[in-house]
Amino acid sequence: MKELIENIDFYYNDAGLMVLTEKYHLERGYCCANGCLHCPYDWERVPEPLRSLLLAKRRTAGAPPSRQDGDINNNKD
């Protein structure tokens, strides 16, 4: 496993949780089904109704959520 680099592969949100970046997720190559904030795979493995809530939040924002939002499950990635 490669060593993660802060501000490239991850950052810490205001709550102190580690948030993995879109770059990290793209390198991993798949959706992990945790509802990650920066999932580039449209949360394809996240079960309903959470997936629909995440997609609606992204559409409503009109852009990717801000780094401070954290993910909806308060997961660390």
PDB file of N, CA and C in Angstrom:
ATOM      1  N   MET A   1       0.835  -1.175   0.000  1.00  0.00           N
ATOM      2  CA  MET A   1       0.000   0.000   0.000  1.00  0.00           C
ATOM      3  C   MET A   1       0.883   1.243   0.000  1.00  0.00           C
ATOM      4  N   LYS A   2       0.548   2.212  -0.857  1.00  0.00           N
ATOM      5  CA  LYS A   2       1.377   3.409  -0.932  1.00  0.00           C
ATOM      6  C   LYS A   2       1.117   4.334   0.252  1.00  0.00           C
ATOM      7  N   GLU A   3       2.097   5.119   0.588  1.00  0.00           N
ATOM      8  CA  GLU A   3       1.948   6.098   1.667  1.00  0.00           C
ATOM      9  C   GLU A   3       1.086   7.250   1.165  1.00  0.00           C
ATOM     10  N   LEU A   4       0.087   7.633   1.953  1.00  0.00           N
ATOM     11  CA  LEU A   4      -0.796   8.732   1.563  1.00  0.00           C
ATOM     12  C   LEU A   4      -0.126  10.062   1.852  1.00  0.00           C
ATOM     13  N   ILE A   5      -0.362  11.020   0.943  1.00  0.00           N
ATOM     14  CA  ILE A   5       0.234  12.346   1.072  1.00  0.00           C
ATOM     15  C   ILE A   5      -0.858  13.356   1.400  1.00  0.00           C
ATOM     16  N   GLU A   6      -0.683  14.051   2.523  1.00  0.00           N
ATOM     17  CA  GLU A   6      -1.680  15.038   2.946  1.00  0.00           C
ATOM     18  C   GLU A   6      -1.819  16.140   1.902  1.00  0.00           C
ATOM     19  N   ASN A   7      -3.057  16.578   1.689  1.00  0.00           N
ATOM     20  CA  ASN A   7      -3.455  17.598   0.723  1.00  0.00           C
ATOM     21  C   ASN A   7      -3.353  17.138  -0.728  1.00  0.00           C
ATOM     22  N   ILE A   8      -2.981  15.901  -0.947  1.00  0.00           N
ATOM     23  CA  ILE A   8      -3.018  15.313  -2.283  1.00  0.00           C
ATOM     24  C   ILE A   8      -3.953  14.117  -2.266  1.00  0.00           C
ATOM     25  N   ASP A   9      -3.718  13.188  -1.363  1.00  0.00           N
ATOM     26  CA  ASP A   9      -4.555  11.996  -1.237  1.00  0.00           C
ATOM     27  C   ASP A   9      -5.656  12.173  -0.191  1.00  0.00           C
ATOM     28  N   PHE A  10      -5.444  13.083   0.759  1.00  0.00           N
ATOM     29  CA  PHE A  10      -6.419  13.295   1.821  1.00  0.00           C
ATOM     30  C   PHE A  10      -6.197  14.659   2.454  1.00  0.00           C
ATOM     31  N   TYR A  11      -7.172  15.074   3.247  1.00  0.00           N
ATOM     32  CA  TYR A  11      -7.051  16.266   4.086  1.00  0.00           C
ATOM     33  C   TYR A  11      -7.892  16.014   5.328  1.00  0.00           C
ATOM     34  N   TYR A  12      -7.750  16.863   6.320  1.00  0.00           N
ATOM     35  CA  TYR A  12      -8.563  16.780   7.529  1.00  0.00           C
ATOM     36  C   TYR A  12      -9.626  17.869   7.477  1.00  0.00           C
ATOM     37  N   ASN A  13     -10.885  17.490   7.713  1.00  0.00           N
ATOM     38  CA  ASN A  13     -11.959  18.481   7.718  1.00  0.00           C
ATOM     39  C   ASN A  13     -11.988  19.210   9.061  1.00  0.00           C
ATOM     40  N   ASP A  14     -12.923  20.144   9.203  1.00  0.00           N
ATOM     41  CA  ASP A  14     -13.006  20.942  10.431  1.00  0.00           C
ATOM     42  C   ASP A  14     -13.273  20.104  11.678  1.00  0.00           C
ATOM     43  N   ALA A  15     -13.874  18.937  11.501  1.00  0.00           N
ATOM     44  CA  ALA A  15     -14.144  18.049  12.634  1.00  0.00           C
ATOM     45  C   ALA A  15     -12.938  17.167  12.973  1.00  0.00           C
ATOM     46  N   GLY A  16     -11.863  17.300  12.187  1.00  0.00           N
ATOM     47  CA  GLY A  16     -10.667  16.508  12.430  1.00  0.00           C
ATOM     48  C   GLY A  16     -10.673  15.145  11.772  1.00  0.00           C
ATOM     49  N   LEU A  17     -11.679  14.880  10.932  1.00  0.00           N
ATOM     50  CA  LEU A  17     -11.753  13.590  10.240  1.00  0.00           C
ATOM     51  C   LEU A  17     -10.929  13.618   8.962  1.00  0.00           C
ATOM     52  N   MET A  18     -10.286  12.496   8.650  1.00  0.00           N
ATOM     53  CA  MET A  18      -9.545  12.380   7.398  1.00  0.00           C
ATOM     54  C   MET A  18     -10.542  12.188   6.259  1.00  0.00           C
ATOM     55  N   VAL A  19     -10.393  12.977   5.205  1.00  0.00           N
ATOM     56  CA  VAL A  19     -11.267  12.899   4.037  1.00  0.00           C
ATOM     57  C   VAL A  19     -10.394  12.586   2.835  1.00  0.00           C
ATOM     58  N   LEU A  20     -10.677  11.486   2.169  1.00  0.00           N
ATOM     59  CA  LEU A  20      -9.905  11.089   0.995  1.00  0.00           C
ATOM     60  C   LEU A  20     -10.356  11.895  -0.222  1.00  0.00           C
ATOM     61  N   THR A  21      -9.400  12.277  -1.060  1.00  0.00           N
ATOM     62  CA  THR A  21      -9.679  13.121  -2.221  1.00  0.00           C
ATOM     63  C   THR A  21     -10.174  12.298  -3.411  1.00  0.00           C
ATOM     64  N   GLU A  22     -10.699  12.998  -4.403  1.00  0.00           N
ATOM     65  CA  GLU A  22     -11.118  12.339  -5.641  1.00  0.00           C
ATOM     66  C   GLU A  22      -9.933  11.636  -6.289  1.00  0.00           C
ATOM     67  N   LYS A  23      -8.761  12.259  -6.255  1.00  0.00           N
ATOM     68  CA  LYS A  23      -7.556  11.637  -6.820  1.00  0.00           C
ATOM     69  C   LYS A  23      -7.310  10.269  -6.179  1.00  0.00           C
ATOM     70  N   TYR A  24      -7.400  10.202  -4.862  1.00  0.00           N
ATOM     71  CA  TYR A  24      -7.202   8.924  -4.177  1.00  0.00           C
ATOM     72  C   TYR A  24      -8.212   7.892  -4.661  1.00  0.00           C
ATOM     73  N   HIS A  25      -9.476   8.296  -4.722  1.00  0.00           N
ATOM     74  CA  HIS A  25     -10.526   7.359  -5.133  1.00  0.00           C
ATOM     75  C   HIS A  25     -10.314   6.872  -6.564  1.00  0.00           C
ATOM     76  N   LEU A  26      -9.915   7.766  -7.456  1.00  0.00           N
ATOM     77  CA  LEU A  26      -9.656   7.362  -8.837  1.00  0.00           C
ATOM     78  C   LEU A  26      -8.509   6.359  -8.912  1.00  0.00           C
ATOM     79  N   GLU A  27      -7.479   6.582  -8.125  1.00  0.00           N
ATOM     80  CA  GLU A  27      -6.356   5.633  -8.109  1.00  0.00           C
ATOM     81  C   GLU A  27      -6.782   4.282  -7.530  1.00  0.00           C
ATOM     82  N   ARG A  28      -7.684   4.292  -6.534  1.00  0.00           N
ATOM     83  CA  ARG A  28      -8.176   3.040  -5.962  1.00  0.00           C
ATOM     84  C   ARG A  28      -8.962   2.271  -7.012  1.00  0.00           C
ATOM     85  N   GLY A  29      -9.774   2.989  -7.798  1.00  0.00           N
ATOM     86  CA  GLY A  29     -10.415   2.381  -8.955  1.00  0.00           C
ATOM     87  C   GLY A  29     -11.831   1.858  -8.780  1.00  0.00           C
ATOM     88  N   TYR A  30     -12.451   2.067  -7.631  1.00  0.00           N
ATOM     89  CA  TYR A  30     -13.820   1.575  -7.446  1.00  0.00           C
ATOM     90  C   TYR A  30     -14.485   2.301  -6.287  1.00  0.00           C
ATOM     91  N   CYS A  31     -15.812   2.226  -6.246  1.00  0.00           N
ATOM     92  CA  CYS A  31     -16.590   2.780  -5.137  1.00  0.00           C
ATOM     93  C   CYS A  31     -16.550   1.777  -3.989  1.00  0.00           C
ATOM     94  N   CYS A  32     -16.227   2.264  -2.789  1.00  0.00           N
ATOM     95  CA  CYS A  32     -16.124   1.388  -1.619  1.00  0.00           C
ATOM     96  C   CYS A  32     -17.451   1.254  -0.864  1.00  0.00           C
ATOM     97  N   ALA A  33     -18.481   1.979  -1.289  1.00  0.00           N
ATOM     98  CA  ALA A  33     -19.830   1.914  -0.716  1.00  0.00           C
ATOM     99  C   ALA A  33     -19.951   2.576   0.653  1.00  0.00           C
ATOM    100  N   ASN A  34     -19.019   3.481   1.006  1.00  0.00           N
ATOM    101  CA  ASN A  34     -19.085   4.165   2.290  1.00  0.00           C
ATOM    102  C   ASN A  34     -19.720   5.544   2.217  1.00  0.00           C
ATOM    103  N   GLY A  35     -20.124   5.996   1.043  1.00  0.00           N
ATOM    104  CA  GLY A  35     -20.713   7.324   0.916  1.00  0.00           C
ATOM    105  C   GLY A  35     -19.676   8.426   0.996  1.00  0.00           C
ATOM    106  N   CYS A  36     -18.498   8.194   0.491  1.00  0.00           N
ATOM    107  CA  CYS A  36     -17.397   9.157   0.567  1.00  0.00           C
ATOM    108  C   CYS A  36     -17.745  10.466  -0.136  1.00  0.00           C
ATOM    109  N   LEU A  37     -17.332  11.565   0.466  1.00  0.00           N
ATOM    110  CA  LEU A  37     -17.618  12.894  -0.042  1.00  0.00           C
ATOM    111  C   LEU A  37     -17.163  13.078  -1.489  1.00  0.00           C
ATOM    112  N   HIS A  38     -15.970  12.642  -1.812  1.00  0.00           N
ATOM    113  CA  HIS A  38     -15.390  12.897  -3.135  1.00  0.00           C
ATOM    114  C   HIS A  38     -15.465  11.694  -4.072  1.00  0.00           C
ATOM    115  N   CYS A  39     -16.431  10.812  -3.880  1.00  0.00           N
ATOM    116  CA  CYS A  39     -16.558   9.621  -4.734  1.00  0.00           C
ATOM    117  C   CYS A  39     -16.787  10.033  -6.192  1.00  0.00           C
ATOM    118  N   PRO A  40     -15.870   9.660  -7.087  1.00  0.00           N
ATOM    119  CA  PRO A  40     -16.052   9.995  -8.501  1.00  0.00           C
ATOM    120  C   PRO A  40     -16.922   8.978  -9.239  1.00  0.00           C
ATOM    121  N   TYR A  41     -17.408   7.979  -8.539  1.00  0.00           N
ATOM    122  CA  TYR A  41     -18.180   6.896  -9.144  1.00  0.00           C
ATOM    123  C   TYR A  41     -19.681   7.018  -8.867  1.00  0.00           C
ATOM    124  N   ASP A  42     -20.127   8.213  -8.465  1.00  0.00           N
ATOM    125  CA  ASP A  42     -21.548   8.457  -8.164  1.00  0.00           C
ATOM    126  C   ASP A  42     -22.112   7.437  -7.180  1.00  0.00           C
ATOM    127  N   TRP A  43     -21.281   7.018  -6.254  1.00  0.00           N
ATOM    128  CA  TRP A  43     -21.712   6.126  -5.166  1.00  0.00           C
ATOM    129  C   TRP A  43     -22.431   4.883  -5.690  1.00  0.00           C
ATOM    130  N   GLU A  44     -21.928   4.295  -6.772  1.00  0.00           N
ATOM    131  CA  GLU A  44     -22.610   3.185  -7.447  1.00  0.00           C
ATOM    132  C   GLU A  44     -22.835   1.965  -6.554  1.00  0.00           C
ATOM    133  N   ARG A  45     -22.059   1.780  -5.513  1.00  0.00           N
ATOM    134  CA  ARG A  45     -22.238   0.619  -4.632  1.00  0.00           C
ATOM    135  C   ARG A  45     -22.938   0.963  -3.320  1.00  0.00           C
ATOM    136  N   VAL A  46     -23.280   2.236  -3.123  1.00  0.00           N
ATOM    137  CA  VAL A  46     -23.966   2.660  -1.892  1.00  0.00           C
ATOM    138  C   VAL A  46     -25.429   2.251  -1.984  1.00  0.00           C
ATOM    139  N   PRO A  47     -25.968   1.586  -0.974  1.00  0.00           N
ATOM    140  CA  PRO A  47     -27.364   1.142  -1.025  1.00  0.00           C
ATOM    141  C   PRO A  47     -28.342   2.320  -0.934  1.00  0.00           C
ATOM    142  N   GLU A  48     -29.510   2.102  -1.496  1.00  0.00           N
ATOM    143  CA  GLU A  48     -30.599   3.074  -1.380  1.00  0.00           C
ATOM    144  C   GLU A  48     -31.173   3.005   0.026  1.00  0.00           C
ATOM    145  N   PRO A  49     -31.717   4.056   0.556  1.00  0.00           N
ATOM    146  CA  PRO A  49     -31.956   5.354  -0.075  1.00  0.00           C
ATOM    147  C   PRO A  49     -30.779   6.308   0.052  1.00  0.00           C
ATOM    148  N   LEU A  50     -29.683   5.905   0.708  1.00  0.00           N
ATOM    149  CA  LEU A  50     -28.553   6.808   0.899  1.00  0.00           C
ATOM    150  C   LEU A  50     -27.982   7.287  -0.428  1.00  0.00           C
ATOM    151  N   ARG A  51     -27.872   6.405  -1.417  1.00  0.00           N
ATOM    152  CA  ARG A  51     -27.301   6.807  -2.712  1.00  0.00           C
ATOM    153  C   ARG A  51     -28.105   7.953  -3.312  1.00  0.00           C
ATOM    154  N   SER A  52     -29.415   7.850  -3.300  1.00  0.00           N
ATOM    155  CA  SER A  52     -30.255   8.912  -3.859  1.00  0.00           C
ATOM    156  C   SER A  52     -30.081  10.221  -3.088  1.00  0.00           C
ATOM    157  N   LEU A  53     -29.939  10.144  -1.772  1.00  0.00           N
ATOM    158  CA  LEU A  53     -29.719  11.353  -0.975  1.00  0.00           C
ATOM    159  C   LEU A  53     -28.396  12.027  -1.333  1.00  0.00           C
ATOM    160  N   LEU A  54     -27.347  11.233  -1.501  1.00  0.00           N
ATOM    161  CA  LEU A  54     -26.046  11.776  -1.867  1.00  0.00           C
ATOM    162  C   LEU A  54     -26.083  12.420  -3.248  1.00  0.00           C
ATOM    163  N   LEU A  55     -26.724  11.746  -4.210  1.00  0.00           N
ATOM    164  CA  LEU A  55     -26.819  12.305  -5.560  1.00  0.00           C
ATOM    165  C   LEU A  55     -27.627  13.594  -5.567  1.00  0.00           C
ATOM    166  N   ALA A  56     -28.715  13.651  -4.808  1.00  0.00           N
ATOM    167  CA  ALA A  56     -29.544  14.856  -4.736  1.00  0.00           C
ATOM    168  C   ALA A  56     -28.753  16.007  -4.112  1.00  0.00           C
ATOM    169  N   LYS A  57     -27.976  15.712  -3.087  1.00  0.00           N
ATOM    170  CA  LYS A  57     -27.164  16.752  -2.439  1.00  0.00           C
ATOM    171  C   LYS A  57     -26.156  17.322  -3.430  1.00  0.00           C
ATOM    172  N   ARG A  58     -25.533  16.457  -4.218  1.00  0.00           N
ATOM    173  CA  ARG A  58     -24.556  16.913  -5.212  1.00  0.00           C
ATOM    174  C   ARG A  58     -25.237  17.764  -6.281  1.00  0.00           C
ATOM    175  N   ARG A  59     -26.408  17.324  -6.765  1.00  0.00           N
ATOM    176  CA  ARG A  59     -27.139  18.092  -7.796  1.00  0.00           C
ATOM    177  C   ARG A  59     -27.577  19.446  -7.261  1.00  0.00           C
ATOM    178  N   THR A  60     -28.081  19.481  -6.036  1.00  0.00           N
ATOM    179  CA  THR A  60     -28.568  20.717  -5.429  1.00  0.00           C
ATOM    180  C   THR A  60     -27.436  21.725  -5.269  1.00  0.00           C
ATOM    181  N   ALA A  61     -26.278  21.241  -4.931  1.00  0.00           N
ATOM    182  CA  ALA A  61     -25.135  22.131  -4.726  1.00  0.00           C
ATOM    183  C   ALA A  61     -24.655  22.732  -6.044  1.00  0.00           C
ATOM    184  N   GLY A  62     -24.907  22.042  -7.152  1.00  0.00           N
ATOM    185  CA  GLY A  62     -24.470  22.532  -8.452  1.00  0.00           C
ATOM    186  C   GLY A  62     -22.979  22.381  -8.682  1.00  0.00           C
ATOM    187  N   ALA A  63     -22.282  21.865  -7.704  1.00  0.00           N
ATOM    188  CA  ALA A  63     -20.842  21.647  -7.776  1.00  0.00           C
ATOM    189  C   ALA A  63     -20.487  20.644  -6.692  1.00  0.00           C
ATOM    190  N   PRO A  64     -19.274  20.129  -6.727  1.00  0.00           N
ATOM    191  CA  PRO A  64     -18.895  19.209  -5.649  1.00  0.00           C
ATOM    192  C   PRO A  64     -19.050  19.882  -4.297  1.00  0.00           C
ATOM    193  N   PRO A  65     -19.487  19.156  -3.267  1.00  0.00           N
ATOM    194  CA  PRO A  65     -19.615  19.737  -1.927  1.00  0.00           C
ATOM    195  C   PRO A  65     -18.271  20.287  -1.460  1.00  0.00           C
ATOM    196  N   SER A  66     -18.318  21.260  -0.572  1.00  0.00           N
ATOM    197  CA  SER A  66     -17.078  21.858  -0.085  1.00  0.00           C
ATOM    198  C   SER A  66     -16.338  20.894   0.825  1.00  0.00           C
ATOM    199  N   ARG A  67     -15.070  21.129   1.010  1.00  0.00           N
ATOM    200  CA  ARG A  67     -14.243  20.273   1.863  1.00  0.00           C
ATOM    201  C   ARG A  67     -14.763  20.248   3.295  1.00  0.00           C
ATOM    202  N   GLN A  68     -15.410  21.298   3.742  1.00  0.00           N
ATOM    203  CA  GLN A  68     -15.859  21.356   5.113  1.00  0.00           C
ATOM    204  C   GLN A  68     -17.112  20.522   5.364  1.00  0.00           C
ATOM    205  N   ASP A  69     -17.821  20.133   4.318  1.00  0.00           N
ATOM    206  CA  ASP A  69     -19.061  19.399   4.503  1.00  0.00           C
ATOM    207  C   ASP A  69     -18.865  18.032   5.140  1.00  0.00           C
ATOM    208  N   GLY A  70     -17.738  17.378   4.896  1.00  0.00           N
ATOM    209  CA  GLY A  70     -17.533  16.013   5.378  1.00  0.00           C
ATOM    210  C   GLY A  70     -18.494  15.091   4.637  1.00  0.00           C
ATOM    211  N   ASP A  71     -18.446  13.802   4.880  1.00  0.00           N
ATOM    212  CA  ASP A  71     -19.404  12.950   4.188  1.00  0.00           C
ATOM    213  C   ASP A  71     -20.618  12.713   5.066  1.00  0.00           C
ATOM    214  N   ILE A  72     -21.684  12.306   4.430  1.00  0.00           N
ATOM    215  CA  ILE A  72     -22.981  12.207   5.084  1.00  0.00           C
ATOM    216  C   ILE A  72     -22.985  11.201   6.230  1.00  0.00           C
ATOM    217  N   ASN A  73     -22.100  10.204   6.190  1.00  0.00           N
ATOM    218  CA  ASN A  73     -22.032   9.191   7.249  1.00  0.00           C
ATOM    219  C   ASN A  73     -20.979   9.518   8.297  1.00  0.00           C
ATOM    220  N   ASN A  74     -20.279  10.641   8.133  1.00  0.00           N
ATOM    221  CA  ASN A  74     -19.158  10.981   8.997  1.00  0.00           C
ATOM    222  C   ASN A  74     -18.078   9.915   8.974  1.00  0.00           C
ATOM    223  N   ASN A  75     -17.937   9.246   7.806  1.00  0.00           N
ATOM    224  CA  ASN A  75     -16.854   8.280   7.638  1.00  0.00           C
ATOM    225  C   ASN A  75     -15.549   9.021   7.482  1.00  0.00           C
ATOM    226  N   LYS A  76     -14.455   8.342   7.733  1.00  0.00           N
ATOM    227  CA  LYS A  76     -13.154   8.976   7.625  1.00  0.00           C
ATOM    228  C   LYS A  76     -12.649   9.026   6.198  1.00  0.00           C
ATOM    229  N   ASP A  77     -13.310   8.387   5.259  1.00  0.00           N
ATOM    230  CA  ASP A  77     -12.884   8.468   3.878  1.00  0.00           C
ATOM    231  C   ASP A  77     -14.025   8.935   3.025  1.00  0.00           C
TER     232      ASP A  77
END
